[in-house]
């Protein structure tokens, strides 16, 4: 099963609570939350969370 990453934007100006990234099997091993941007505010102040 492809991996899923739960991510939260911690920017003070952002209203997004949490989002999930669902990946295919082709995602590089070195891919991390630092490679993402928030789909709501466009910022990069993101943290991976455990649900």
PDB file of N, CA and C in Angstrom:
ATOM      1  N   UNK A   1       0.841  -1.176   0.000  1.00  0.00           N
ATOM      2  CA  UNK A   1       0.000   0.000   0.000  1.00  0.00           C
ATOM      3  C   UNK A   1       0.888   1.242   0.000  1.00  0.00           C
ATOM      4  N   UNK A   2       0.606   2.225  -0.844  1.00  0.00           N
ATOM      5  CA  UNK A   2       1.395   3.463  -0.838  1.00  0.00           C
ATOM      6  C   UNK A   2       1.275   4.190   0.494  1.00  0.00           C
ATOM      7  N   UNK A   3       2.285   4.959   0.804  1.00  0.00           N
ATOM      8  CA  UNK A   3       2.303   5.658   2.090  1.00  0.00           C
ATOM      9  C   UNK A   3       1.387   6.879   2.098  1.00  0.00           C
ATOM     10  N   UNK A   4       1.021   7.297   3.296  1.00  0.00           N
ATOM     11  CA  UNK A   4       0.217   8.494   3.524  1.00  0.00           C
ATOM     12  C   UNK A   4       0.924   9.329   4.579  1.00  0.00           C
ATOM     13  N   UNK A   5       0.946  10.636   4.384  1.00  0.00           N
ATOM     14  CA  UNK A   5       1.555  11.536   5.352  1.00  0.00           C
ATOM     15  C   UNK A   5       0.501  12.537   5.821  1.00  0.00           C
ATOM     16  N   UNK A   6       0.317  12.650   7.132  1.00  0.00           N
ATOM     17  CA  UNK A   6      -0.579  13.633   7.733  1.00  0.00           C
ATOM     18  C   UNK A   6       0.245  14.878   8.039  1.00  0.00           C
ATOM     19  N   UNK A   7      -0.233  16.031   7.585  1.00  0.00           N
ATOM     20  CA  UNK A   7       0.545  17.261   7.698  1.00  0.00           C
ATOM     21  C   UNK A   7      -0.327  18.376   8.269  1.00  0.00           C
ATOM     22  N   UNK A   8       0.281  19.214   9.094  1.00  0.00           N
ATOM     23  CA  UNK A   8      -0.399  20.367   9.675  1.00  0.00           C
ATOM     24  C   UNK A   8       0.396  21.620   9.348  1.00  0.00           C
ATOM     25  N   UNK A   9      -0.296  22.681   8.979  1.00  0.00           N
ATOM     26  CA  UNK A   9       0.338  23.980   8.775  1.00  0.00           C
ATOM     27  C   UNK A   9       0.301  24.721  10.109  1.00  0.00           C
ATOM     28  N   UNK A  10       1.453  25.162  10.576  1.00  0.00           N
ATOM     29  CA  UNK A  10       1.523  25.826  11.875  1.00  0.00           C
ATOM     30  C   UNK A  10       1.717  27.344  11.746  1.00  0.00           C
ATOM     31  N   UNK A  11       1.468  27.882  10.567  1.00  0.00           N
ATOM     32  CA  UNK A  11       1.531  29.332  10.372  1.00  0.00           C
ATOM     33  C   UNK A  11       0.381  29.988  11.125  1.00  0.00           C
ATOM     34  N   UNK A  12       0.657  31.074  11.816  1.00  0.00           N
ATOM     35  CA  UNK A  12      -0.363  31.775  12.598  1.00  0.00           C
ATOM     36  C   UNK A  12      -1.502  32.312  11.723  1.00  0.00           C
ATOM     37  N   UNK A  13      -1.227  32.609  10.467  1.00  0.00           N
ATOM     38  CA  UNK A  13      -2.223  33.193   9.571  1.00  0.00           C
ATOM     39  C   UNK A  13      -3.037  32.159   8.807  1.00  0.00           C
ATOM     40  N   UNK A  14      -2.769  30.884   9.012  1.00  0.00           N
ATOM     41  CA  UNK A  14      -3.423  29.837   8.221  1.00  0.00           C
ATOM     42  C   UNK A  14      -4.588  29.210   8.985  1.00  0.00           C
ATOM     43  N   UNK A  15      -5.682  28.968   8.285  1.00  0.00           N
ATOM     44  CA  UNK A  15      -6.877  28.373   8.883  1.00  0.00           C
ATOM     45  C   UNK A  15      -6.951  26.858   8.681  1.00  0.00           C
ATOM     46  N   UNK A  16      -6.008  26.281   7.928  1.00  0.00           N
ATOM     47  CA  UNK A  16      -6.043  24.850   7.646  1.00  0.00           C
ATOM     48  C   UNK A  16      -5.645  24.052   8.876  1.00  0.00           C
ATOM     49  N   UNK A  17      -6.466  23.081   9.234  1.00  0.00           N
ATOM     50  CA  UNK A  17      -6.207  22.256  10.404  1.00  0.00           C
ATOM     51  C   UNK A  17      -5.206  21.150  10.081  1.00  0.00           C
ATOM     52  N   UNK A  18      -5.472  20.391   8.989  1.00  0.00           N
ATOM     53  CA  UNK A  18      -4.649  19.244   8.661  1.00  0.00           C
ATOM     54  C   UNK A  18      -4.950  18.828   7.229  1.00  0.00           C
ATOM     55  N   UNK A  19      -3.971  18.216   6.558  1.00  0.00           N
ATOM     56  CA  UNK A  19      -4.241  17.605   5.262  1.00  0.00           C
ATOM     57  C   UNK A  19      -3.425  16.340   5.124  1.00  0.00           C
ATOM     58  N   UNK A  20      -3.879  15.464   4.246  1.00  0.00           N
ATOM     59  CA  UNK A  20      -3.211  14.198   3.997  1.00  0.00           C
ATOM     60  C   UNK A  20      -2.603  14.209   2.609  1.00  0.00           C
ATOM     61  N   UNK A  21      -1.428  13.644   2.504  1.00  0.00           N
ATOM     62  CA  UNK A  21      -0.816  13.402   1.205  1.00  0.00           C
ATOM     63  C   UNK A  21      -0.799  11.909   0.984  1.00  0.00           C
ATOM     64  N   UNK A  22      -1.346  11.489  -0.126  1.00  0.00           N
ATOM     65  CA  UNK A  22      -1.344  10.076  -0.500  1.00  0.00           C
ATOM     66  C   UNK A  22      -0.372   9.915  -1.650  1.00  0.00           C
ATOM     67  N   UNK A  23       0.563   9.005  -1.497  1.00  0.00           N
ATOM     68  CA  UNK A  23       1.644   8.860  -2.450  1.00  0.00           C
ATOM     69  C   UNK A  23       1.528   7.580  -3.280  1.00  0.00           C
ATOM     70  N   UNK A  24       2.134   7.620  -4.444  1.00  0.00           N
ATOM     71  CA  UNK A  24       2.282   6.409  -5.250  1.00  0.00           C
ATOM     72  C   UNK A  24       3.540   5.685  -4.783  1.00  0.00           C
ATOM     73  N   UNK A  25       3.798   4.562  -5.358  1.00  0.00           N
ATOM     74  CA  UNK A  25       4.994   3.806  -4.995  1.00  0.00           C
ATOM     75  C   UNK A  25       6.279   4.456  -5.514  1.00  0.00           C
ATOM     76  N   UNK A  26       6.179   5.452  -6.376  1.00  0.00           N
ATOM     77  CA  UNK A  26       7.343   6.052  -7.023  1.00  0.00           C
ATOM     78  C   UNK A  26       7.942   7.232  -6.270  1.00  0.00           C
ATOM     79  N   UNK A  27       7.497   7.519  -5.066  1.00  0.00           N
ATOM     80  CA  UNK A  27       8.017   8.660  -4.298  1.00  0.00           C
ATOM     81  C   UNK A  27       9.445   8.348  -3.839  1.00  0.00           C
ATOM     82  N   UNK A  28      10.377   9.273  -4.046  1.00  0.00           N
ATOM     83  CA  UNK A  28      11.766   9.038  -3.616  1.00  0.00           C
ATOM     84  C   UNK A  28      11.863   8.846  -2.106  1.00  0.00           C
ATOM     85  N   UNK A  29      12.821   8.067  -1.664  1.00  0.00           N
ATOM     86  CA  UNK A  29      13.007   7.801  -0.237  1.00  0.00           C
ATOM     87  C   UNK A  29      13.342   9.048   0.559  1.00  0.00           C
ATOM     88  N   UNK A  30      13.961  10.040  -0.075  1.00  0.00           N
ATOM     89  CA  UNK A  30      14.359  11.242   0.650  1.00  0.00           C
ATOM     90  C   UNK A  30      13.285  12.337   0.652  1.00  0.00           C
ATOM     91  N   UNK A  31      12.076  12.029   0.166  1.00  0.00           N
ATOM     92  CA  UNK A  31      10.978  12.997   0.176  1.00  0.00           C
ATOM     93  C   UNK A  31      10.529  13.225   1.616  1.00  0.00           C
ATOM     94  N   UNK A  32      10.342  14.489   1.990  1.00  0.00           N
ATOM     95  CA  UNK A  32       9.975  14.823   3.368  1.00  0.00           C
ATOM     96  C   UNK A  32       8.981  15.970   3.378  1.00  0.00           C
ATOM     97  N   UNK A  33       8.457  16.276   4.544  1.00  0.00           N
ATOM     98  CA  UNK A  33       7.479  17.348   4.699  1.00  0.00           C
ATOM     99  C   UNK A  33       8.070  18.692   4.251  1.00  0.00           C
ATOM    100  N   UNK A  34       9.373  18.856   4.319  1.00  0.00           N
ATOM    101  CA  UNK A  34      10.026  20.093   3.890  1.00  0.00           C
ATOM    102  C   UNK A  34       9.881  20.330   2.386  1.00  0.00           C
ATOM    103  N   UNK A  35       9.531  19.300   1.641  1.00  0.00           N
ATOM    104  CA  UNK A  35       9.357  19.416   0.196  1.00  0.00           C
ATOM    105  C   UNK A  35       7.955  19.885  -0.190  1.00  0.00           C
ATOM    106  N   UNK A  36       7.080  20.057   0.780  1.00  0.00           N
ATOM    107  CA  UNK A  36       5.682  20.406   0.532  1.00  0.00           C
ATOM    108  C   UNK A  36       5.390  21.870   0.824  1.00  0.00           C
ATOM    109  N   UNK A  37       4.259  22.341   0.328  1.00  0.00           N
ATOM    110  CA  UNK A  37       3.744  23.651   0.710  1.00  0.00           C
ATOM    111  C   UNK A  37       2.272  23.494   1.070  1.00  0.00           C
ATOM    112  N   UNK A  38       1.774  24.372   1.888  1.00  0.00           N
ATOM    113  CA  UNK A  38       0.391  24.301   2.352  1.00  0.00           C
ATOM    114  C   UNK A  38      -0.569  24.576   1.190  1.00  0.00           C
ATOM    115  N   UNK A  39      -1.563  23.717   0.998  1.00  0.00           N
ATOM    116  CA  UNK A  39      -2.525  23.951  -0.082  1.00  0.00           C
ATOM    117  C   UNK A  39      -3.484  25.105   0.202  1.00  0.00           C
ATOM    118  N   UNK A  40      -3.553  25.563   1.436  1.00  0.00           N
ATOM    119  CA  UNK A  40      -4.459  26.659   1.791  1.00  0.00           C
ATOM    120  C   UNK A  40      -3.771  28.022   1.688  1.00  0.00           C
ATOM    121  N   UNK A  41      -2.645  28.170   2.382  1.00  0.00           N
ATOM    122  CA  UNK A  41      -1.982  29.479   2.428  1.00  0.00           C
ATOM    123  C   UNK A  41      -0.731  29.555   1.539  1.00  0.00           C
ATOM    124  N   UNK A  42      -0.254  28.405   1.082  1.00  0.00           N
ATOM    125  CA  UNK A  42       0.933  28.378   0.239  1.00  0.00           C
ATOM    126  C   UNK A  42       2.239  28.443   1.001  1.00  0.00           C
ATOM    127  N   UNK A  43       2.176  28.496   2.315  1.00  0.00           N
ATOM    128  CA  UNK A  43       3.389  28.587   3.130  1.00  0.00           C
ATOM    129  C   UNK A  43       4.109  27.251   3.269  1.00  0.00           C
ATOM    130  N   UNK A  44       5.259  27.312   3.902  1.00  0.00           N
ATOM    131  CA  UNK A  44       6.062  26.111   4.082  1.00  0.00           C
ATOM    132  C   UNK A  44       6.312  25.797   5.549  1.00  0.00           C
ATOM    133  N   UNK A  45       5.514  26.372   6.423  1.00  0.00           N
ATOM    134  CA  UNK A  45       5.652  26.152   7.857  1.00  0.00           C
ATOM    135  C   UNK A  45       4.812  24.933   8.250  1.00  0.00           C
ATOM    136  N   UNK A  46       5.269  23.752   7.816  1.00  0.00           N
ATOM    137  CA  UNK A  46       4.512  22.521   7.979  1.00  0.00           C
ATOM    138  C   UNK A  46       5.218  21.543   8.906  1.00  0.00           C
ATOM    139  N   UNK A  47       4.431  20.737   9.592  1.00  0.00           N
ATOM    140  CA  UNK A  47       4.964  19.658  10.427  1.00  0.00           C
ATOM    141  C   UNK A  47       4.174  18.389  10.133  1.00  0.00           C
ATOM    142  N   UNK A  48       4.866  17.263  10.165  1.00  0.00           N
ATOM    143  CA  UNK A  48       4.199  15.970  10.021  1.00  0.00           C
ATOM    144  C   UNK A  48       3.607  15.604  11.372  1.00  0.00           C
ATOM    145  N   UNK A  49       2.385  15.086  11.391  1.00  0.00           N
ATOM    146  CA  UNK A  49       1.736  14.724  12.643  1.00  0.00           C
ATOM    147  C   UNK A  49       1.316  13.266  12.621  1.00  0.00           C
ATOM    148  N   UNK A  50       1.161  12.693  13.802  1.00  0.00           N
ATOM    149  CA  UNK A  50       0.652  11.348  13.964  1.00  0.00           C
ATOM    150  C   UNK A  50      -0.813  11.467  14.395  1.00  0.00           C
ATOM    151  N   UNK A  51      -1.678  10.798  13.694  1.00  0.00           N
ATOM    152  CA  UNK A  51      -3.111  10.863  14.015  1.00  0.00           C
ATOM    153  C   UNK A  51      -3.519   9.655  14.815  1.00  0.00           C
TER     154      UNK A  51
END
